[in-house]
């Protein structure tokens, strides 16, 4: 009598037969490499489901932070914009809102990010080039003129000068009858990653952390709908980080911010629900989906393990996603539409709360109006035509997705242990640990592309048909139209700032800046002080200079 096989033995026998056939088909190369040829079910599927996958809206949050996800509410369409002048950017915001955008996302130019007014000598040549210049309360009024601040959320990508830009936003909103308690949106305010990947820091890390926490404390108490920090992995990924490094380094920085805020005496459940994150969606489609799921699950576990969080909302990782700028190519730029589409799709399948899809021409310059519209329409097609919004976590339970999710979480935990051994994120940042790990990976990828071991379509392979294109001003000529910022636009902005300084009450400004200096030195929260200063007419650069004098300036990194 033949003994019946258990249900588990039948798949095992089938796997043996498949492996033999596969080995024959590809000459024995079934095993090895970073990616398995085929992934099967776990040994204990029921336990693996409950412990690692579960249901959306409840721990471990692998499948999403809301029970119904996009069936209940679509992600926010948040196209990033800022260029030329406050008036030009305001016009672009109106264009995007009319086209169906549901959240405003502000890009600031480099002088604004680095705490220099547009008329400062160090701003010359950079005013309005990669974002909107905002030096004065007048600039912010123009930027937000007639925009629905009580309905559309505002996201500001600003870090070192985040307290000043937040104060300018609050001042303009309250002038227009929108109290700070009703303002919705996000300020990035994540200065730690600036020392790792972007470089738009001003002050030494300890002083920068103090200013970030000032903003968090102020917003927690007075701006209940405001996301006071967006801890960002995006820029580290753009610099070359792997998916595992992006998750690990971002969450390590977040743990540092949480510890610093708790040091101010704030209750965990008062501020954690408004903490948010910002990730890249890069080229490896399945890995990116798994990365978002792993980050969400790992954060939910970390805040329990490290801080004892019990409130459900305190354990949820909410995040914004932007498709990978580093994946865009100047060669055959029309192909960037394809790249952006599947990167946006990965973000949605991974459960993002808001999304920016890059425009096809961003490897060449600022997005034109037509390319910005196409990027917005890409999101709308995903939302309205693809059907993916109808099911929560549609790839959940797929063997490869779950294997990748587990692998990324395990790799991130290994990095977190190394960071703990160093003394935490602040020490790791100051010692250059994050930057060196990312640089090593960036070098590996560059070498792989040089050797054509990693293919970039249109760059190191499939280059036939690459156009010998000429760059034209926006809206003219044939080929690739490029948004250009002219020297005349910069001169007009400089004139506006000088006129502002000439028309204000200089004595009131000096008094307000002196108060800011004394209060900062005494350890007061700087947000009310900055708010009073900008209302008196002080500029962004003048407020930043007060802190330069008090804190000093962090020298540029010499790491390579």
Protein backbone atom coordinates (compact mmCIF):
# COMPACT_ATOMS: atom_id res chain seq x y z
CA UNK A 1 0.00 0.00 0.00
CA UNK A 2 1.42 3.40 -1.06
CA UNK A 3 1.48 5.99 1.66
CA UNK A 4 -0.32 9.25 0.78
CA UNK A 5 1.88 12.33 0.59
CA UNK A 6 1.19 15.28 2.86
CA UNK A 7 0.00 18.52 1.19
CA UNK A 8 3.47 19.96 1.83
CA UNK A 9 5.29 17.04 0.16
CA UNK A 10 3.44 17.39 -3.14
CA UNK A 11 4.77 20.95 -3.84
CA UNK A 12 8.23 19.79 -2.71
CA UNK A 13 8.21 16.97 -5.23
CA UNK A 14 6.98 19.35 -7.94
CA UNK A 15 9.83 21.73 -7.09
CA UNK A 16 12.40 18.94 -7.58
CA UNK A 17 10.97 18.24 -11.05
CA UNK A 18 10.91 21.96 -11.96
CA UNK A 19 14.49 22.49 -10.78
CA UNK A 20 15.74 19.60 -12.91
CA UNK A 21 13.96 20.97 -15.97
CA UNK A 22 15.23 24.49 -15.32
CA UNK A 23 18.81 23.31 -14.86
CA UNK A 24 18.63 21.52 -18.16
CA UNK A 25 17.16 24.55 -19.92
CA UNK A 26 19.83 27.02 -18.76
CA UNK A 27 22.82 24.70 -18.52
CA UNK A 28 22.81 24.25 -14.79
CA UNK A 29 22.77 27.97 -13.86
CA UNK A 30 19.69 27.77 -11.64
CA UNK A 31 21.27 28.81 -8.34
CA UNK A 32 23.49 31.78 -7.55
CA UNK A 33 23.19 35.49 -8.12
CA UNK A 34 21.37 38.13 -6.14
CA UNK A 35 17.92 37.28 -7.50
CA UNK A 36 16.53 33.74 -7.26
CA UNK A 37 15.12 32.28 -10.45
CA UNK A 38 11.91 31.34 -8.68
CA UNK A 39 10.54 31.91 -5.19
CA UNK A 40 8.06 29.54 -3.58
CA UNK A 41 5.76 29.72 -0.55
CA UNK A 42 7.15 29.88 3.01
CA UNK A 43 7.28 26.75 5.14
CA UNK A 44 4.44 28.01 7.36
CA UNK A 45 2.23 30.19 5.12
CA UNK A 46 -0.36 31.02 7.78
CA UNK A 47 2.18 32.24 10.34
CA UNK A 48 4.12 34.14 7.67
CA UNK A 49 0.94 35.90 6.60
CA UNK A 50 -0.14 37.01 10.07
CA UNK A 51 3.32 38.03 11.31
CA UNK A 52 4.74 39.62 8.18
CA UNK A 53 1.87 40.59 5.86
CA UNK A 54 -1.42 40.88 7.71
CA UNK A 55 -4.18 43.31 6.80
CA UNK A 56 -4.05 46.96 5.74
CA UNK A 57 -4.58 49.65 8.36
CA UNK A 58 -3.30 47.54 11.26
CA UNK A 59 0.13 46.27 12.35
CA UNK A 60 2.48 45.28 10.83
CA UNK A 61 1.23 47.81 8.20
CA UNK A 62 2.97 45.93 5.39
CA UNK A 63 -0.09 46.29 3.18
CA UNK A 64 -0.76 49.97 3.85
CA UNK A 65 -1.71 52.41 6.60
CA UNK A 66 -5.40 52.73 5.66
CA UNK A 67 -7.89 49.83 5.67
CA UNK A 68 -9.15 50.66 2.17
CA UNK A 69 -6.17 52.62 0.81
CA UNK A 70 -7.04 54.14 -2.60
CA UNK A 71 -10.60 52.80 -2.61
CA UNK A 72 -11.26 55.31 0.16
CA UNK A 73 -9.04 58.14 -1.10
CA UNK A 74 -6.53 58.44 -3.93
CA UNK A 75 -2.98 59.49 -3.27
CA UNK A 76 -2.29 63.24 -3.53
CA UNK A 77 -1.10 64.38 -6.97
CA UNK A 78 1.73 66.70 -5.96
CA UNK A 79 3.78 68.01 -8.91
CA UNK A 80 6.92 69.82 -7.73
CA UNK A 81 7.34 73.31 -9.18
CA UNK A 82 9.31 76.50 -8.74
CA UNK A 83 11.32 78.68 -11.10
CA UNK A 84 12.10 82.20 -12.25
CA UNK A 85 10.03 84.32 -9.92
CA UNK A 86 7.25 84.04 -7.39
CA UNK A 87 4.77 85.33 -9.99
CA UNK A 88 5.84 82.76 -12.61
CA UNK A 89 5.62 79.93 -10.08
CA UNK A 90 2.20 81.12 -8.92
CA UNK A 91 1.06 80.95 -12.54
CA UNK A 92 2.39 77.37 -12.86
CA UNK A 93 0.58 76.36 -9.65
CA UNK A 94 -2.69 77.71 -11.05
CA UNK A 95 -2.10 75.78 -14.27
CA UNK A 96 -1.48 72.53 -12.37
CA UNK A 97 -4.46 73.00 -10.02
CA UNK A 98 -6.72 73.64 -13.01
CA UNK A 99 -5.39 70.43 -14.56
CA UNK A 100 -6.29 68.30 -11.55
CA UNK A 101 -3.32 68.57 -9.18
CA UNK A 102 -4.48 68.16 -5.58
CA UNK A 103 -1.46 69.46 -3.64
CA UNK A 104 1.09 72.24 -4.13
CA UNK A 105 4.79 71.39 -3.93
CA UNK A 106 7.29 74.25 -3.82
CA UNK A 107 10.87 74.06 -5.08
CA UNK A 108 13.12 76.88 -3.85
CA UNK A 109 16.22 78.13 -5.60
CA UNK A 110 19.70 77.52 -4.18
CA UNK A 111 20.17 80.98 -2.62
CA UNK A 112 16.90 80.55 -0.70
CA UNK A 113 17.93 77.06 0.40
CA UNK A 114 21.29 78.36 1.61
CA UNK A 115 19.96 81.43 3.42
CA UNK A 116 20.96 84.18 0.98
CA UNK A 117 18.69 86.92 -0.31
CA UNK A 118 18.42 87.29 -4.08
CA UNK A 119 20.52 90.48 -3.98
CA UNK A 120 23.42 88.84 -2.14
CA UNK A 121 26.66 88.56 -4.19
CA UNK A 122 26.76 84.79 -3.60
CA UNK A 123 23.29 84.44 -5.16
CA UNK A 124 24.41 85.86 -8.49
CA UNK A 125 23.69 83.52 -11.39
CA UNK A 126 21.52 81.16 -9.31
CA UNK A 127 18.43 83.27 -8.65
CA UNK A 128 15.34 81.39 -9.83
CA UNK A 129 17.38 78.74 -11.67
CA UNK A 130 16.31 75.54 -9.90
CA UNK A 131 13.39 76.85 -7.88
CA UNK A 132 11.51 79.94 -6.84
CA UNK A 133 13.39 82.75 -5.06
CA UNK A 134 11.75 83.78 -1.79
CA UNK A 135 13.61 86.44 0.18
CA UNK A 136 10.78 88.55 1.63
CA UNK A 137 7.24 88.43 2.90
CA UNK A 138 6.34 90.15 -0.37
CA UNK A 139 7.78 87.25 -2.37
CA UNK A 140 5.73 84.77 -0.36
CA UNK A 141 2.58 86.86 -0.84
CA UNK A 142 3.11 86.79 -4.60
CA UNK A 143 3.88 83.07 -4.62
CA UNK A 144 0.65 82.18 -2.77
CA UNK A 145 -1.60 84.87 -4.25
CA UNK A 146 -5.21 83.66 -4.54
CA UNK A 147 -4.25 80.00 -4.00
CA UNK A 148 -6.72 77.94 -1.91
CA UNK A 149 -4.57 77.49 1.20
CA UNK A 150 -7.58 76.30 3.19
CA UNK A 151 -8.15 73.44 0.70
CA UNK A 152 -4.94 72.55 -1.16
CA UNK A 153 -2.07 71.30 0.99
CA UNK A 154 1.34 72.93 0.55
CA UNK A 155 4.62 71.03 0.56
CA UNK A 156 7.89 72.95 0.83
CA UNK A 157 11.22 71.34 0.01
CA UNK A 158 13.38 73.38 2.36
CA UNK A 159 15.74 72.37 5.14
CA UNK A 160 18.38 74.70 6.57
CA UNK A 161 16.03 77.69 6.29
CA UNK A 162 12.85 75.71 7.02
CA UNK A 163 11.90 77.75 10.13
CA UNK A 164 12.08 81.00 8.13
CA UNK A 165 10.05 79.72 5.17
CA UNK A 166 7.47 78.21 7.53
CA UNK A 167 7.15 81.57 9.29
CA UNK A 168 6.67 83.34 5.95
CA UNK A 169 3.96 80.83 4.96
CA UNK A 170 2.14 81.20 8.29
CA UNK A 171 2.29 85.00 8.05
CA UNK A 172 0.78 85.07 4.53
CA UNK A 173 -1.88 82.47 5.35
CA UNK A 174 -3.01 84.42 8.41
CA UNK A 175 -3.10 87.64 6.38
CA UNK A 176 -5.55 85.83 4.12
CA UNK A 177 -7.77 84.55 6.91
CA UNK A 178 -6.37 81.00 7.13
CA UNK A 179 -5.22 80.39 10.71
CA UNK A 180 -2.11 78.29 11.27
CA UNK A 181 -4.24 75.58 12.88
CA UNK A 182 -6.00 75.01 9.54
CA UNK A 183 -2.89 74.99 7.36
CA UNK A 184 -2.29 71.58 5.81
CA UNK A 185 0.89 70.41 4.17
CA UNK A 186 4.50 69.48 4.80
CA UNK A 187 7.86 71.14 5.29
CA UNK A 188 10.85 68.90 4.61
CA UNK A 189 12.95 70.22 7.56
CA UNK A 190 15.30 67.19 7.37
CA UNK A 191 18.73 68.74 7.67
CA UNK A 192 20.64 65.56 8.61
CA UNK A 193 20.45 64.18 5.09
CA UNK A 194 21.88 67.48 3.79
CA UNK A 195 25.24 66.56 5.31
CA UNK A 196 25.01 63.17 3.57
CA UNK A 197 23.72 63.85 0.09
CA UNK A 198 22.52 67.34 -0.88
CA UNK A 199 24.86 69.83 0.75
CA UNK A 200 22.45 72.72 1.38
CA UNK A 201 23.30 72.95 5.05
CA UNK A 202 24.42 76.20 6.70
CA UNK A 203 25.15 75.58 10.37
CA UNK A 204 26.94 72.76 12.22
CA UNK A 205 24.79 69.63 12.75
CA UNK A 206 23.97 70.26 16.41
CA UNK A 207 22.65 73.77 15.70
CA UNK A 208 20.75 72.55 12.66
CA UNK A 209 19.12 69.82 14.73
CA UNK A 210 18.09 72.44 17.32
CA UNK A 211 16.34 74.54 14.63
CA UNK A 212 14.60 71.47 13.16
CA UNK A 213 13.29 70.48 16.58
CA UNK A 214 12.15 74.07 17.24
CA UNK A 215 9.94 73.80 14.17
CA UNK A 216 8.63 70.37 15.18
CA UNK A 217 7.78 71.61 18.69
CA UNK A 218 6.05 74.75 17.40
CA UNK A 219 4.01 72.89 14.77
CA UNK A 220 3.04 70.11 17.19
CA UNK A 221 1.53 72.68 19.54
CA UNK A 222 0.08 75.19 17.07
CA UNK A 223 -0.30 73.55 13.62
CA UNK A 224 -2.15 70.24 14.14
CA UNK A 225 -2.69 69.62 10.41
CA UNK A 226 0.91 70.38 9.44
CA UNK A 227 3.53 67.68 8.77
CA UNK A 228 6.51 69.29 10.46
CA UNK A 229 9.20 67.08 8.94
CA UNK A 230 9.56 64.82 5.93
CA UNK A 231 12.50 62.55 6.68
CA UNK A 232 14.03 62.03 3.28
CA UNK A 233 15.66 59.04 1.70
CA UNK A 234 15.12 60.43 -1.79
CA UNK A 235 18.29 62.49 -1.97
CA UNK A 236 20.45 59.69 -0.59
CA UNK A 237 19.02 57.38 -3.26
CA UNK A 238 19.76 59.99 -5.92
CA UNK A 239 23.36 60.10 -4.67
CA UNK A 240 23.70 56.35 -5.24
CA UNK A 241 22.25 54.58 -2.18
CA UNK A 242 20.77 51.11 -2.56
CA UNK A 243 17.19 50.39 -1.58
CA UNK A 244 18.42 48.89 1.71
CA UNK A 245 20.61 51.92 2.45
CA UNK A 246 17.77 54.30 1.63
CA UNK A 247 15.49 52.59 4.14
CA UNK A 248 18.12 52.16 6.85
CA UNK A 249 19.64 55.64 6.72
CA UNK A 250 16.25 57.37 6.47
CA UNK A 251 14.82 55.51 9.45
CA UNK A 252 18.03 56.05 11.43
CA UNK A 253 17.71 59.81 10.90
CA UNK A 254 14.04 59.64 11.88
CA UNK A 255 14.93 57.87 15.13
CA UNK A 256 17.39 60.69 15.88
CA UNK A 257 14.70 63.33 15.37
CA UNK A 258 12.22 61.45 17.55
CA UNK A 259 14.77 61.13 20.35
CA UNK A 260 15.59 64.86 20.11
CA UNK A 261 11.92 65.86 20.24
CA UNK A 262 11.28 63.62 23.23
CA UNK A 263 14.16 65.45 24.89
CA UNK A 264 11.99 68.60 24.71
CA UNK A 265 9.37 66.84 26.81
CA UNK A 266 6.77 66.34 24.07
CA UNK A 267 4.53 63.30 24.37
CA UNK A 268 5.22 60.64 21.76
CA UNK A 269 1.60 60.41 20.62
CA UNK A 270 1.35 64.20 20.25
CA UNK A 271 4.01 64.50 17.57
CA UNK A 272 4.63 61.09 15.98
CA UNK A 273 1.34 61.01 13.99
CA UNK A 274 2.47 64.09 11.98
CA UNK A 275 5.95 62.77 11.17
CA UNK A 276 6.24 61.88 7.49
CA UNK A 277 8.78 60.43 5.06
CA UNK A 278 9.96 61.00 1.49
CA UNK A 279 11.30 58.20 -0.70
CA UNK A 280 12.51 57.73 -4.25
CA UNK A 281 10.89 55.31 -6.65
CA UNK A 282 13.76 54.00 -8.72
CA UNK A 283 14.23 51.65 -11.65
CA UNK A 284 14.00 48.16 -10.16
CA UNK A 285 10.22 47.80 -10.24
CA UNK A 286 9.69 44.85 -7.88
CA UNK A 287 12.41 45.92 -5.47
CA UNK A 288 10.89 49.39 -5.13
CA UNK A 289 7.44 48.00 -4.32
CA UNK A 290 9.00 45.77 -1.67
CA UNK A 291 11.10 48.66 -0.33
CA UNK A 292 8.04 50.74 0.53
CA UNK A 293 6.37 47.77 2.23
CA UNK A 294 9.54 46.95 4.20
CA UNK A 295 10.04 50.55 5.33
CA UNK A 296 6.46 50.79 6.54
CA UNK A 297 6.67 47.51 8.46
CA UNK A 298 10.09 48.24 9.93
CA UNK A 299 9.15 51.73 11.16
CA UNK A 300 6.02 50.37 12.83
CA UNK A 301 8.18 47.90 14.70
CA UNK A 302 11.01 50.31 15.53
CA UNK A 303 8.85 52.91 17.29
CA UNK A 304 7.47 50.15 19.50
CA UNK A 305 10.88 48.61 20.21
CA UNK A 306 12.72 51.90 20.77
CA UNK A 307 10.09 54.21 22.21
CA UNK A 308 7.20 52.02 23.36
CA UNK A 309 4.67 53.63 21.01
CA UNK A 310 1.17 52.23 21.43
CA UNK A 311 -1.07 54.63 19.51
CA UNK A 312 -1.91 53.15 16.10
CA UNK A 313 -1.28 56.42 14.24
CA UNK A 314 2.07 56.86 15.97
CA UNK A 315 3.22 53.58 14.40
CA UNK A 316 2.19 54.38 10.84
CA UNK A 317 4.77 55.40 8.24
CA UNK A 318 3.21 57.95 5.88
CA UNK A 319 5.30 58.90 2.87
CA UNK A 320 5.55 60.98 -0.27
CA UNK A 321 7.28 59.57 -3.34
CA UNK A 322 9.06 61.14 -6.28
CA UNK A 323 10.14 59.18 -9.31
CA UNK A 324 13.91 58.92 -9.68
CA UNK A 325 15.54 61.97 -11.19
CA UNK A 326 18.78 60.01 -11.50
CA UNK A 327 17.08 57.57 -13.87
CA UNK A 328 16.24 60.32 -16.39
CA UNK A 329 18.47 60.63 -19.44
CA UNK A 330 19.30 63.50 -21.77
CA UNK A 331 19.69 60.93 -24.53
CA UNK A 332 16.35 59.96 -26.09
CA UNK A 333 14.48 61.98 -23.46
CA UNK A 334 11.12 60.73 -24.70
CA UNK A 335 12.01 57.40 -23.09
CA UNK A 336 11.81 59.11 -19.70
CA UNK A 337 8.02 58.95 -19.99
CA UNK A 338 8.29 55.14 -19.86
CA UNK A 339 10.72 55.22 -16.94
CA UNK A 340 8.59 57.66 -14.99
CA UNK A 341 5.42 55.65 -15.59
CA UNK A 342 6.68 52.39 -14.15
CA UNK A 343 8.42 54.20 -11.27
CA UNK A 344 5.13 55.95 -10.44
CA UNK A 345 3.34 52.61 -10.72
CA UNK A 346 5.78 51.06 -8.24
CA UNK A 347 5.09 53.87 -5.77
CA UNK A 348 1.35 53.33 -6.00
CA UNK A 349 1.65 49.56 -5.71
CA UNK A 350 3.87 50.19 -2.68
CA UNK A 351 1.18 52.32 -0.99
CA UNK A 352 2.40 55.93 -1.22
CA UNK A 353 0.29 58.76 0.23
CA UNK A 354 1.36 61.36 -2.34
CA UNK A 355 3.33 61.31 -5.55
CA UNK A 356 5.36 63.50 -7.88
CA UNK A 357 6.05 62.13 -11.36
CA UNK A 358 9.09 63.67 -13.03
CA UNK A 359 8.75 65.34 -16.41
CA UNK A 360 10.51 63.94 -19.47
CA UNK A 361 12.76 67.00 -19.92
CA UNK A 362 14.15 67.25 -16.37
CA UNK A 363 17.54 65.84 -17.39
CA UNK A 364 17.86 68.92 -19.60
CA UNK A 365 16.27 71.73 -17.61
CA UNK A 366 13.20 72.86 -15.70
CA UNK A 367 9.95 71.26 -16.89
CA UNK A 368 8.01 73.12 -19.54
CA UNK A 369 4.27 73.58 -19.18
CA UNK A 370 3.52 70.78 -21.64
CA UNK A 371 5.90 68.29 -20.02
CA UNK A 372 4.53 69.13 -16.56
CA UNK A 373 1.02 68.46 -17.85
CA UNK A 374 2.10 65.11 -19.30
CA UNK A 375 3.65 64.11 -15.96
CA UNK A 376 0.41 64.99 -14.16
CA UNK A 377 -1.64 63.09 -16.75
CA UNK A 378 0.58 60.05 -16.14
CA UNK A 379 -0.59 59.96 -12.54
CA UNK A 380 -4.20 60.50 -13.56
CA UNK A 381 -4.08 57.58 -16.00
CA UNK A 382 -2.70 55.35 -13.27
CA UNK A 383 -5.48 56.48 -10.94
CA UNK A 384 -8.40 56.41 -13.35
CA UNK A 385 -7.60 53.89 -16.08
CA UNK A 386 -5.23 51.21 -14.82
CA UNK A 387 -7.51 49.62 -12.22
CA UNK A 388 -4.70 49.34 -9.65
CA UNK A 389 -6.44 51.68 -7.22
CA UNK A 390 -9.32 49.25 -6.82
CA UNK A 391 -7.46 46.70 -4.68
CA UNK A 392 -5.37 47.23 -1.57
CA UNK A 393 -1.79 45.98 -2.00
CA UNK A 394 -2.55 43.93 -5.14
CA UNK A 395 0.91 42.30 -5.17
CA UNK A 396 0.81 41.35 -1.49
CA UNK A 397 1.44 37.63 -1.04
CA UNK A 398 3.39 37.31 -4.28
CA UNK A 399 6.31 35.11 -3.33
CA UNK A 400 9.03 37.32 -4.83
CA UNK A 401 7.51 40.51 -3.41
CA UNK A 402 7.40 39.02 0.09
CA UNK A 403 10.94 37.63 -0.22
CA UNK A 404 12.22 41.06 -1.27
CA UNK A 405 10.28 42.78 1.52
CA UNK A 406 11.82 40.45 4.11
CA UNK A 407 15.29 40.84 2.59
CA UNK A 408 15.18 44.66 2.58
CA UNK A 409 13.94 44.80 6.16
CA UNK A 410 16.68 42.39 7.29
CA UNK A 411 19.37 44.37 5.46
CA UNK A 412 18.11 47.66 6.92
CA UNK A 413 18.18 46.18 10.43
CA UNK A 414 21.80 45.15 9.93
CA UNK A 415 22.69 48.73 8.98
CA UNK A 416 20.74 50.11 11.95
CA UNK A 417 22.75 47.88 14.28
CA UNK A 418 25.99 49.25 12.80
CA UNK A 419 24.70 52.82 13.21
CA UNK A 420 23.79 52.10 16.84
CA UNK A 421 27.32 50.79 17.42
CA UNK A 422 28.69 54.09 16.11
CA UNK A 423 26.52 56.04 18.56
CA UNK A 424 23.44 56.81 16.44
CA UNK A 425 22.62 58.75 13.30
CA UNK A 426 24.10 62.09 14.41
CA UNK A 427 27.50 60.50 15.03
CA UNK A 428 27.26 58.41 11.84
CA UNK A 429 26.49 61.53 9.80
CA UNK A 430 29.32 63.53 11.38
CA UNK A 431 31.81 60.71 10.79
CA UNK A 432 30.78 60.40 7.16
CA UNK A 433 29.57 56.80 7.52
CA UNK A 434 26.40 57.28 5.46
CA UNK A 435 28.21 59.25 2.76
CA UNK A 436 31.03 56.72 2.40
CA UNK A 437 28.64 53.77 2.15
CA UNK A 438 26.61 55.56 -0.52
CA UNK A 439 29.74 56.64 -2.44
CA UNK A 440 30.97 53.05 -2.56
CA UNK A 441 27.69 51.92 -4.13
CA UNK A 442 27.62 54.85 -6.56
CA UNK A 443 31.12 53.94 -7.73
CA UNK A 444 30.11 50.31 -8.22
CA UNK A 445 27.15 51.33 -10.40
CA UNK A 446 29.27 53.76 -12.44
CA UNK A 447 31.83 51.04 -13.14
CA UNK A 448 29.08 48.57 -14.03
CA UNK A 449 27.69 51.02 -16.58
CA UNK A 450 31.11 51.69 -18.05
CA UNK A 451 31.54 47.94 -18.55
CA UNK A 452 27.94 47.63 -19.81
CA UNK A 453 27.19 45.13 -17.06
CA UNK A 454 24.28 47.43 -16.19
CA UNK A 455 22.33 48.77 -19.14
CA UNK A 456 20.95 52.29 -19.43
CA UNK A 457 18.86 52.32 -22.57
CA UNK A 458 19.95 55.07 -24.94
CA UNK A 459 23.10 55.80 -22.87
CA UNK A 460 25.38 52.76 -23.03
CA UNK A 461 23.19 50.53 -25.19
CA UNK A 462 20.52 50.90 -27.88
CA UNK A 463 21.89 54.30 -28.81
CA UNK A 464 20.92 54.23 -32.46
CA UNK A 465 18.53 57.06 -33.21
CA UNK A 466 19.87 59.31 -30.46
CA UNK A 467 19.04 62.81 -31.69
CA UNK A 468 21.67 65.44 -32.20
CA UNK A 469 19.24 67.91 -30.72
CA UNK A 470 19.60 71.61 -30.12
CA UNK A 471 18.21 73.16 -26.95
CA UNK A 472 15.54 75.75 -27.68
CA UNK A 473 13.83 78.26 -25.38
CA UNK A 474 10.48 77.03 -24.13
CA UNK A 475 7.80 77.04 -26.80
CA UNK A 476 10.06 77.71 -29.80
CA UNK A 477 11.88 75.69 -32.43
CA UNK A 478 11.77 71.97 -32.99
CA UNK A 479 13.12 69.12 -30.91
CA UNK A 480 13.37 69.34 -27.13
CA UNK A 481 11.94 72.54 -25.71
CA UNK A 482 13.70 73.76 -22.57
CA UNK A 483 12.49 76.11 -19.88
CA UNK A 484 15.07 78.90 -19.60
CA UNK A 485 15.56 81.48 -16.83
CA UNK A 486 17.02 84.65 -18.29
CA UNK A 487 19.41 87.15 -16.65
CA UNK A 488 16.67 89.78 -17.00
CA UNK A 489 14.38 87.75 -14.73
CA UNK A 490 17.14 87.58 -12.11
CA UNK A 491 17.69 91.35 -12.31
CA UNK A 492 13.97 91.98 -11.77
CA UNK A 493 13.95 89.78 -8.66
CA UNK A 494 17.03 91.54 -7.28
CA UNK A 495 15.31 94.89 -7.84
CA UNK A 496 12.22 93.68 -5.99
CA UNK A 497 14.27 92.64 -2.95
CA UNK A 498 16.14 95.96 -2.88
CA UNK A 499 12.88 97.87 -3.18
CA UNK A 500 11.44 95.86 -0.26
CA UNK A 501 14.43 96.71 1.91
CA UNK A 502 14.18 100.36 1.02
CA UNK A 503 10.48 100.69 1.80
CA UNK A 504 10.29 98.98 5.21
CA UNK A 505 10.67 100.37 8.74
CA UNK A 506 14.39 99.79 9.28
CA UNK A 507 14.20 100.43 13.04
CA UNK A 508 11.41 97.86 13.49
CA UNK A 509 13.42 95.30 11.50
CA UNK A 510 16.52 95.89 13.61
CA UNK A 511 14.55 95.53 16.84
CA UNK A 512 12.97 92.26 15.63
CA UNK A 513 16.35 90.82 14.55
CA UNK A 514 17.90 91.79 17.89
CA UNK A 515 15.03 90.01 19.65
CA UNK A 516 15.62 86.94 17.47
CA UNK A 517 19.30 86.97 18.39
CA UNK A 518 18.71 87.29 22.13
CA UNK A 519 15.92 84.71 22.19
CA UNK A 520 17.93 82.19 20.20
CA UNK A 521 20.87 82.67 22.53
CA UNK A 522 18.63 82.06 25.55
CA UNK A 523 17.37 78.79 24.07
CA UNK A 524 13.84 79.97 23.28
CA UNK A 525 11.89 78.34 20.48
CA UNK A 526 12.89 80.32 17.40
CA UNK A 527 9.63 80.05 15.41
CA UNK A 528 7.67 82.83 17.19
CA UNK A 529 10.77 85.02 17.03
CA UNK A 530 11.24 84.47 13.29
CA UNK A 531 7.53 85.01 12.67
CA UNK A 532 7.72 88.40 14.39
CA UNK A 533 10.85 89.29 12.42
CA UNK A 534 9.42 88.53 8.96
CA UNK A 535 6.20 90.38 9.83
CA UNK A 536 8.35 93.38 10.69
CA UNK A 537 9.94 93.15 7.24
CA UNK A 538 13.13 91.18 7.91
CA UNK A 539 14.33 89.07 5.00
CA UNK A 540 15.24 85.41 4.87
CA UNK A 541 18.93 86.24 4.51
CA UNK A 542 18.91 88.59 7.50
CA UNK A 543 17.32 85.97 9.76
CA UNK A 544 19.78 83.34 8.52
CA UNK A 545 22.65 85.75 9.22
CA UNK A 546 21.57 86.10 12.85
CA UNK A 547 22.06 82.35 13.24
CA UNK A 548 25.31 82.38 11.25
CA UNK A 549 26.69 84.81 13.80
CA UNK A 550 25.48 82.70 16.74
CA UNK A 551 26.16 79.16 15.49
CA UNK A 552 28.93 79.55 12.93
CA UNK A 553 28.98 77.97 9.49
CA UNK A 554 29.62 74.30 8.73
CA UNK A 555 32.54 74.01 6.27
CA UNK A 556 31.95 72.03 3.07
CA UNK A 557 32.77 68.33 3.17
CA UNK A 558 36.09 67.34 1.64
CA UNK A 559 35.02 63.71 1.26
CA UNK A 560 35.19 62.26 -2.23
